[in-house]
C-alpha atoms as a PDB file:
ATOM      1  CA  MET A   1      25.806  -9.091  26.984  1.00  0.00           C
ATOM      2  CA  SER A   2      24.337  -9.281  23.488  1.00  0.00           C
ATOM      3  CA  LEU A   3      21.429  -7.046  22.552  1.00  0.00           C
ATOM      4  CA  LEU A   4      19.872 -10.037  20.746  1.00  0.00           C
ATOM      5  CA  SER A   5      20.634 -13.675  21.431  1.00  0.00           C
ATOM      6  CA  ILE A   6      19.006 -16.660  19.736  1.00  0.00           C
ATOM      7  CA  GLU A   7      19.813 -20.100  21.091  1.00  0.00           C
ATOM      8  CA  ASP A   8      18.950 -23.400  19.378  1.00  0.00           C
ATOM      9  CA  VAL A   9      15.695 -22.096  17.880  1.00  0.00           C
ATOM     10  CA  HIS A  10      13.426 -24.548  16.068  1.00  0.00           C
ATOM     11  CA  ALA A  11      10.441 -23.208  14.145  1.00  0.00           C
ATOM     12  CA  TYR A  12       7.806 -24.838  11.976  1.00  0.00           C
ATOM     13  CA  TYR A  13       5.181 -23.972   9.391  1.00  0.00           C
ATOM     14  CA  GLY A  14       2.637 -26.676  10.088  1.00  0.00           C
ATOM     15  CA  GLU A  15       4.658 -29.874   9.989  1.00  0.00           C
ATOM     16  CA  SER A  16       7.484 -28.322   7.972  1.00  0.00           C
ATOM     17  CA  HIS A  17      10.565 -27.993  10.182  1.00  0.00           C
ATOM     18  CA  VAL A  18      12.069 -24.745   8.859  1.00  0.00           C
ATOM     19  CA  LEU A  19      14.524 -23.648  11.554  1.00  0.00           C
ATOM     20  CA  GLN A  20      16.520 -26.563  12.904  1.00  0.00           C
ATOM     21  CA  GLY A  21      18.542 -25.160  15.782  1.00  0.00           C
ATOM     22  CA  VAL A  22      19.526 -21.619  14.764  1.00  0.00           C
ATOM     23  CA  SER A  23      21.808 -19.803  17.201  1.00  0.00           C
ATOM     24  CA  LEU A  24      23.224 -16.301  16.753  1.00  0.00           C
ATOM     25  CA  ASP A  25      24.099 -13.131  18.652  1.00  0.00           C
ATOM     26  CA  VAL A  26      23.926  -9.455  17.754  1.00  0.00           C
ATOM     27  CA  ASP A  27      25.813  -6.977  19.914  1.00  0.00           C
ATOM     28  CA  GLU A  28      24.762  -3.388  20.423  1.00  0.00           C
ATOM     29  CA  GLY A  29      25.952  -1.120  17.602  1.00  0.00           C
ATOM     30  CA  GLU A  30      26.523  -3.928  15.100  1.00  0.00           C
ATOM     31  CA  VAL A  31      25.083  -4.589  11.685  1.00  0.00           C
ATOM     32  CA  VAL A  32      24.783  -8.363  11.281  1.00  0.00           C
ATOM     33  CA  ALA A  33      23.706  -9.956   7.988  1.00  0.00           C
ATOM     34  CA  LEU A  34      21.802 -13.194   7.518  1.00  0.00           C
ATOM     35  CA  ILE A  35      22.741 -14.625   4.143  1.00  0.00           C
ATOM     36  CA  GLY A  36      21.773 -17.757   2.252  1.00  0.00           C
ATOM     37  CA  ARG A  37      19.721 -18.935  -0.682  1.00  0.00           C
ATOM     38  CA  ASN A  38      15.975 -18.354  -0.907  1.00  0.00           C
ATOM     39  CA  GLY A  39      13.892 -20.564   1.340  1.00  0.00           C
ATOM     40  CA  VAL A  40      16.598 -21.586   3.829  1.00  0.00           C
ATOM     41  CA  GLY A  41      15.099 -19.866   6.883  1.00  0.00           C
ATOM     42  CA  LYS A  42      16.360 -16.259   6.925  1.00  0.00           C
ATOM     43  CA  THR A  43      12.957 -14.569   7.026  1.00  0.00           C
ATOM     44  CA  THR A  44      11.652 -17.243   9.400  1.00  0.00           C
ATOM     45  CA  THR A  45      14.468 -16.313  11.778  1.00  0.00           C
ATOM     46  CA  ILE A  46      13.218 -12.712  11.728  1.00  0.00           C
ATOM     47  CA  ARG A  47       9.644 -13.899  12.262  1.00  0.00           C
ATOM     48  CA  SER A  48      10.708 -16.066  15.198  1.00  0.00           C
ATOM     49  CA  ILE A  49      12.405 -13.122  16.882  1.00  0.00           C
ATOM     50  CA  LEU A  50       9.193 -11.122  16.480  1.00  0.00           C
ATOM     51  CA  GLY A  51       6.948 -13.915  17.723  1.00  0.00           C
ATOM     52  CA  LEU A  52       5.148 -14.116  14.374  1.00  0.00           C
ATOM     53  CA  THR A  53       6.391 -17.680  13.940  1.00  0.00           C
ATOM     54  CA  PRO A  54       6.973 -18.624  17.579  1.00  0.00           C
ATOM     55  CA  PRO A  55       9.798 -21.080  18.260  1.00  0.00           C
ATOM     56  CA  ARG A  56       8.660 -24.534  19.354  1.00  0.00           C
ATOM     57  CA  GLU A  57      12.072 -25.046  20.942  1.00  0.00           C
ATOM     58  CA  GLY A  58      14.920 -22.733  21.856  1.00  0.00           C
ATOM     59  CA  THR A  59      15.214 -19.269  23.338  1.00  0.00           C
ATOM     60  CA  VAL A  60      15.114 -15.676  22.087  1.00  0.00           C
ATOM     61  CA  ARG A  61      16.593 -13.050  24.412  1.00  0.00           C
ATOM     62  CA  ILE A  62      16.580  -9.265  24.044  1.00  0.00           C
ATOM     63  CA  HIS A  63      18.846  -7.320  26.392  1.00  0.00           C
ATOM     64  CA  GLY A  64      19.338 -10.617  28.210  1.00  0.00           C
ATOM     65  CA  GLU A  65      15.625 -11.110  28.925  1.00  0.00           C
ATOM     66  CA  ASP A  66      13.810 -14.190  27.636  1.00  0.00           C
ATOM     67  CA  VAL A  67      11.081 -13.042  25.212  1.00  0.00           C
ATOM     68  CA  THR A  68      10.285 -16.479  23.781  1.00  0.00           C
ATOM     69  CA  GLY A  69       6.517 -16.834  23.503  1.00  0.00           C
ATOM     70  CA  GLU A  70       5.745 -13.153  23.991  1.00  0.00           C
ATOM     71  CA  GLU A  71       3.235 -11.478  21.675  1.00  0.00           C
ATOM     72  CA  THR A  72       4.631  -9.447  18.783  1.00  0.00           C
ATOM     73  CA  HIS A  73       3.422  -6.130  20.192  1.00  0.00           C
ATOM     74  CA  GLU A  74       5.150  -6.901  23.483  1.00  0.00           C
ATOM     75  CA  ILE A  75       8.419  -7.592  21.683  1.00  0.00           C
ATOM     76  CA  ALA A  76       8.028  -4.357  19.710  1.00  0.00           C
ATOM     77  CA  ARG A  77       7.661  -2.448  22.975  1.00  0.00           C
ATOM     78  CA  ARG A  78      11.071  -3.758  23.996  1.00  0.00           C
ATOM     79  CA  GLY A  79      12.589  -1.603  21.245  1.00  0.00           C
ATOM     80  CA  VAL A  80      12.453  -3.931  18.258  1.00  0.00           C
ATOM     81  CA  GLY A  81      11.476  -2.449  14.894  1.00  0.00           C
ATOM     82  CA  TRP A  82      10.755  -4.328  11.678  1.00  0.00           C
ATOM     83  CA  VAL A  83      11.089  -3.457   7.995  1.00  0.00           C
ATOM     84  CA  PRO A  84       9.291  -6.394   6.308  1.00  0.00           C
ATOM     85  CA  GLU A  85      10.158  -7.727   2.883  1.00  0.00           C
ATOM     86  CA  GLU A  86       6.759  -6.711   1.483  1.00  0.00           C
ATOM     87  CA  ARG A  87       7.061  -3.115   2.874  1.00  0.00           C
ATOM     88  CA  ARG A  88       3.406  -3.235   4.001  1.00  0.00           C
ATOM     89  CA  LEU A  89       2.707   0.449   3.537  1.00  0.00           C
ATOM     90  CA  PHE A  90      -0.764   1.952   3.700  1.00  0.00           C
ATOM     91  CA  SER A  91      -0.791   2.806   0.005  1.00  0.00           C
ATOM     92  CA  HIS A  92      -3.787   5.169   0.154  1.00  0.00           C
ATOM     93  CA  LEU A  93      -2.373   7.162   3.064  1.00  0.00           C
ATOM     94  CA  THR A  94       0.221   9.891   2.680  1.00  0.00           C
ATOM     95  CA  VAL A  95       3.848   9.522   3.655  1.00  0.00           C
ATOM     96  CA  ASP A  96       3.170  11.691   6.710  1.00  0.00           C
ATOM     97  CA  GLU A  97       0.259   9.474   7.704  1.00  0.00           C
ATOM     98  CA  ASN A  98       2.311   6.289   7.298  1.00  0.00           C
ATOM     99  CA  VAL A  99       4.981   7.717   9.576  1.00  0.00           C
ATOM    100  CA  ARG A 100       2.450   8.969  12.093  1.00  0.00           C
ATOM    101  CA  ILE A 101       0.731   5.569  12.356  1.00  0.00           C
ATOM    102  CA  ALA A 102       4.066   3.963  13.178  1.00  0.00           C
ATOM    103  CA  THR A 103       4.754   6.474  15.982  1.00  0.00           C
ATOM    104  CA  PRO A 104       4.021   4.920  19.394  1.00  0.00           C
ATOM    105  CA  GLU A 105       2.891   8.092  21.215  1.00  0.00           C
ATOM    106  CA  PRO A 106       1.057  11.221  19.943  1.00  0.00           C
ATOM    107  CA  ASP A 107       3.596  13.571  21.506  1.00  0.00           C
ATOM    108  CA  MET A 108       6.374  11.843  19.513  1.00  0.00           C
ATOM    109  CA  VAL A 109       4.936  12.642  16.075  1.00  0.00           C
ATOM    110  CA  GLU A 110       6.956  15.794  15.369  1.00  0.00           C
ATOM    111  CA  ALA A 111      10.154  14.065  16.462  1.00  0.00           C
ATOM    112  CA  ALA A 112       9.210  11.136  14.223  1.00  0.00           C
ATOM    113  CA  TYR A 113       8.845  13.445  11.226  1.00  0.00           C
ATOM    114  CA  GLU A 114      12.241  14.960  11.999  1.00  0.00           C
ATOM    115  CA  THR A 115      13.816  11.504  12.176  1.00  0.00           C
ATOM    116  CA  ALA A 116      12.150  10.304   8.961  1.00  0.00           C
ATOM    117  CA  TYR A 117      12.940  13.351   6.834  1.00  0.00           C
ATOM    118  CA  SER A 118      16.440  13.954   8.137  1.00  0.00           C
ATOM    119  CA  THR A 119      17.272  10.318   7.361  1.00  0.00           C
ATOM    120  CA  PHE A 120      15.554  10.448   3.966  1.00  0.00           C
ATOM    121  CA  PRO A 121      15.586  14.065   2.712  1.00  0.00           C
ATOM    122  CA  GLU A 122      14.166  12.905  -0.634  1.00  0.00           C
ATOM    123  CA  LEU A 123      10.874  12.045   1.074  1.00  0.00           C
ATOM    124  CA  LYS A 124      10.303  15.513   2.488  1.00  0.00           C
ATOM    125  CA  SER A 125       8.948  16.908  -0.781  1.00  0.00           C
ATOM    126  CA  HIS A 126       6.625  13.893  -1.094  1.00  0.00           C
ATOM    127  CA  ARG A 127       5.219  13.877   2.429  1.00  0.00           C
ATOM    128  CA  GLU A 128       1.681  14.751   1.258  1.00  0.00           C
ATOM    129  CA  LYS A 129       1.675  12.156  -1.514  1.00  0.00           C
ATOM    130  CA  ASP A 130      -0.032   8.795  -1.146  1.00  0.00           C
ATOM    131  CA  ALA A 131       2.587   6.138  -0.430  1.00  0.00           C
ATOM    132  CA  GLY A 132       1.236   4.033  -3.292  1.00  0.00           C
ATOM    133  CA  ASP A 133       2.178   6.786  -5.771  1.00  0.00           C
ATOM    134  CA  LEU A 134       5.864   6.742  -4.835  1.00  0.00           C
ATOM    135  CA  SER A 135       8.633   4.898  -6.659  1.00  0.00           C
ATOM    136  CA  GLY A 136       9.780   1.544  -5.346  1.00  0.00           C
ATOM    137  CA  GLY A 137      12.869   3.073  -3.803  1.00  0.00           C
ATOM    138  CA  GLN A 138      10.885   5.836  -2.120  1.00  0.00           C
ATOM    139  CA  GLN A 139       8.432   3.279  -0.742  1.00  0.00           C
ATOM    140  CA  GLN A 140      11.354   1.346   0.729  1.00  0.00           C
ATOM    141  CA  MET A 141      12.572   4.547   2.356  1.00  0.00           C
ATOM    142  CA  VAL A 142       9.140   5.036   3.951  1.00  0.00           C
ATOM    143  CA  ALA A 143       9.212   1.440   5.180  1.00  0.00           C
ATOM    144  CA  ILE A 144      12.625   1.945   6.789  1.00  0.00           C
ATOM    145  CA  ALA A 145      11.565   5.298   8.238  1.00  0.00           C
ATOM    146  CA  ARG A 146       8.576   3.639   9.903  1.00  0.00           C
ATOM    147  CA  GLY A 147      10.952   1.183  11.548  1.00  0.00           C
ATOM    148  CA  LEU A 148      13.019   4.062  12.933  1.00  0.00           C
ATOM    149  CA  VAL A 149      10.412   6.323  14.450  1.00  0.00           C
ATOM    150  CA  GLY A 150       9.691   4.111  17.424  1.00  0.00           C
ATOM    151  CA  ASP A 151      13.153   4.912  18.823  1.00  0.00           C
ATOM    152  CA  ASN A 152      14.091   1.243  18.482  1.00  0.00           C
ATOM    153  CA  ASP A 153      17.261  -0.329  19.836  1.00  0.00           C
ATOM    154  CA  LEU A 154      17.162  -3.093  17.225  1.00  0.00           C
ATOM    155  CA  LEU A 155      15.927  -2.912  13.646  1.00  0.00           C
ATOM    156  CA  LEU A 156      15.131  -6.114  11.722  1.00  0.00           C
ATOM    157  CA  VAL A 157      15.423  -5.376   8.000  1.00  0.00           C
ATOM    158  CA  ASP A 158      14.240  -7.990   5.493  1.00  0.00           C
ATOM    159  CA  GLU A 159      15.476  -7.792   1.863  1.00  0.00           C
ATOM    160  CA  PRO A 160      15.620  -3.979   1.528  1.00  0.00           C
ATOM    161  CA  SER A 161      17.076  -4.073  -2.001  1.00  0.00           C
ATOM    162  CA  GLU A 162      14.654  -6.582  -3.502  1.00  0.00           C
ATOM    163  CA  GLY A 163      13.158  -5.435  -6.803  1.00  0.00           C
ATOM    164  CA  LEU A 164      14.930  -2.059  -6.825  1.00  0.00           C
ATOM    165  CA  ALA A 165      16.987  -0.541  -9.631  1.00  0.00           C
ATOM    166  CA  PRO A 166      20.750  -0.371  -8.905  1.00  0.00           C
ATOM    167  CA  GLN A 167      20.803   3.402  -8.400  1.00  0.00           C
ATOM    168  CA  ILE A 168      17.915   3.154  -5.925  1.00  0.00           C
ATOM    169  CA  VAL A 169      19.646   0.297  -4.098  1.00  0.00           C
ATOM    170  CA  GLU A 170      22.587   2.589  -3.419  1.00  0.00           C
ATOM    171  CA  SER A 171      20.263   5.254  -1.994  1.00  0.00           C
ATOM    172  CA  VAL A 172      18.664   2.715   0.329  1.00  0.00           C
ATOM    173  CA  ALA A 173      22.101   1.360   1.275  1.00  0.00           C
ATOM    174  CA  GLU A 174      23.315   4.849   2.140  1.00  0.00           C
ATOM    175  CA  ALA A 175      20.251   5.375   4.304  1.00  0.00           C
ATOM    176  CA  LEU A 176      20.903   2.108   6.162  1.00  0.00           C
ATOM    177  CA  ARG A 177      24.521   3.153   6.726  1.00  0.00           C
ATOM    178  CA  SER A 178      23.222   6.346   8.277  1.00  0.00           C
ATOM    179  CA  VAL A 179      20.694   4.465  10.398  1.00  0.00           C
ATOM    180  CA  SER A 180      23.371   2.044  11.621  1.00  0.00           C
ATOM    181  CA  THR A 181      25.263   4.831  13.382  1.00  0.00           C
ATOM    182  CA  GLU A 182      22.471   4.958  15.988  1.00  0.00           C
ATOM    183  CA  THR A 183      20.580   1.650  15.671  1.00  0.00           C
ATOM    184  CA  THR A 184      21.665  -1.987  15.812  1.00  0.00           C
ATOM    185  CA  ILE A 185      20.562  -3.847  12.670  1.00  0.00           C
ATOM    186  CA  LEU A 186      19.919  -7.477  11.807  1.00  0.00           C
ATOM    187  CA  LEU A 187      19.769  -7.545   8.014  1.00  0.00           C
ATOM    188  CA  VAL A 188      18.419 -10.214   5.676  1.00  0.00           C
ATOM    189  CA  GLU A 189      19.796  -9.471   2.226  1.00  0.00           C
ATOM    190  CA  GLN A 190      20.009 -11.575  -0.924  1.00  0.00           C
ATOM    191  CA  ASN A 191      22.418  -9.121  -2.582  1.00  0.00           C
ATOM    192  CA  PHE A 192      25.682 -10.577  -1.288  1.00  0.00           C
ATOM    193  CA  PRO A 193      28.045  -7.661  -2.077  1.00  0.00           C
ATOM    194  CA  LEU A 194      25.573  -5.242  -0.480  1.00  0.00           C
ATOM    195  CA  ALA A 195      25.250  -7.403   2.633  1.00  0.00           C
ATOM    196  CA  MET A 196      29.030  -7.614   3.011  1.00  0.00           C
ATOM    197  CA  ASP A 197      29.366  -3.870   2.495  1.00  0.00           C
ATOM    198  CA  LEU A 198      26.761  -2.942   5.117  1.00  0.00           C
ATOM    199  CA  ALA A 199      27.411  -5.589   7.772  1.00  0.00           C
ATOM    200  CA  ASP A 200      30.150  -6.037  10.355  1.00  0.00           C
ATOM    201  CA  ARG A 201      29.501  -9.777  10.692  1.00  0.00           C
ATOM    202  CA  TYR A 202      27.460 -12.429   8.921  1.00  0.00           C
ATOM    203  CA  TYR A 203      25.703 -15.714   9.555  1.00  0.00           C
ATOM    204  CA  LEU A 204      25.259 -18.086   6.623  1.00  0.00           C
ATOM    205  CA  ILE A 205      22.103 -20.190   6.873  1.00  0.00           C
ATOM    206  CA  ASP A 206      21.322 -23.355   4.944  1.00  0.00           C
ATOM    207  CA  HIS A 207      18.353 -25.675   5.484  1.00  0.00           C
ATOM    208  CA  GLY A 208      17.449 -23.985   8.741  1.00  0.00           C
ATOM    209  CA  THR A 209      20.861 -24.130  10.414  1.00  0.00           C
ATOM    210  CA  VAL A 210      23.849 -21.789  10.668  1.00  0.00           C
ATOM    211  CA  VAL A 211      26.653 -23.319   8.598  1.00  0.00           C
ATOM    212  CA  ASP A 212      29.174 -20.486   8.727  1.00  0.00           C
ATOM    213  CA  SER A 213      29.736 -17.121  10.394  1.00  0.00           C
ATOM    214  CA  GLY A 214      32.401 -14.484  10.779  1.00  0.00           C
ATOM    215  CA  ASP A 215      33.525 -10.945  10.075  1.00  0.00           C
ATOM    216  CA  THR A 216      32.577  -9.548   6.678  1.00  0.00           C
ATOM    217  CA  GLU A 217      35.899  -7.858   5.964  1.00  0.00           C
ATOM    218  CA  GLY A 218      37.561  -9.450   2.957  1.00  0.00           C
ATOM    219  CA  VAL A 219      34.785 -12.015   2.387  1.00  0.00           C
ATOM    220  CA  THR A 220      33.885 -12.531  -1.282  1.00  0.00           C
ATOM    221  CA  GLN A 221      31.613 -14.785  -3.298  1.00  0.00           C
ATOM    222  CA  GLU A 222      34.719 -16.693  -4.359  1.00  0.00           C
ATOM    223  CA  ASP A 223      35.324 -18.001  -0.834  1.00  0.00           C
ATOM    224  CA  GLU A 224      34.833 -21.760  -0.910  1.00  0.00           C
ATOM    225  CA  THR A 225      32.139 -21.984   1.772  1.00  0.00           C
ATOM    226  CA  ILE A 226      30.238 -18.973   0.449  1.00  0.00           C
ATOM    227  CA  ARG A 227      30.316 -20.328  -3.104  1.00  0.00           C
ATOM    228  CA  ARG A 228      29.153 -23.757  -1.990  1.00  0.00           C
ATOM    229  CA  TYR A 229      26.099 -22.511  -0.110  1.00  0.00           C
ATOM    230  CA  LEU A 230      25.086 -19.517  -2.239  1.00  0.00           C
ATOM    231  CA  SER A 231      25.476 -20.978  -5.720  1.00  0.00           C
ATOM    232  CA  ALA A 232      22.270 -22.071  -7.384  1.00  0.00           C
END
């Protein structure tokens, strides 16, 4: 049984039909990448899983249970964490405070700090700094750490490398590799080589539908289907 299963999901923004029958599965322990050009429905897929953009048709299942139509906080309680594209940190709160706010129970705070700072040792010396004073890469680390501290079974990660310098991208990538040893990940990533490096499998989305999927091993941007759908 898949940890996450999406079947024939249709989602809209107003009258705009964004997802037009997306189906995919993510098994426990996998890293699965959603790839495709900007605006084809990758982030909307994440939002539909979370109930932020509820499907008008189709089904979302987590651990085999139908969660379609549930509120976002109910889905989160099922062990689903989210690292949004915009990071959404509390910029005037410290790193410690950002982590603490993301911790579901007061008696889990110390364990949350241990998880955050063992995963991202670089943050430990900045834990009393306001999150808004950190570098872009450090802010992304805080955002990922917040997704981890709820002891989630599934982590939805949206564009973790966006806007980061290459050396910082590698730090974030290494952190995600570490996270993936204990947490299943569905990754939206525009950086194709990074997505292929991190993921076990991929789904290629175009105009709100899955047009290709498979194992990532050996897949390059020169593959005919990849080139056709990812080229500008």
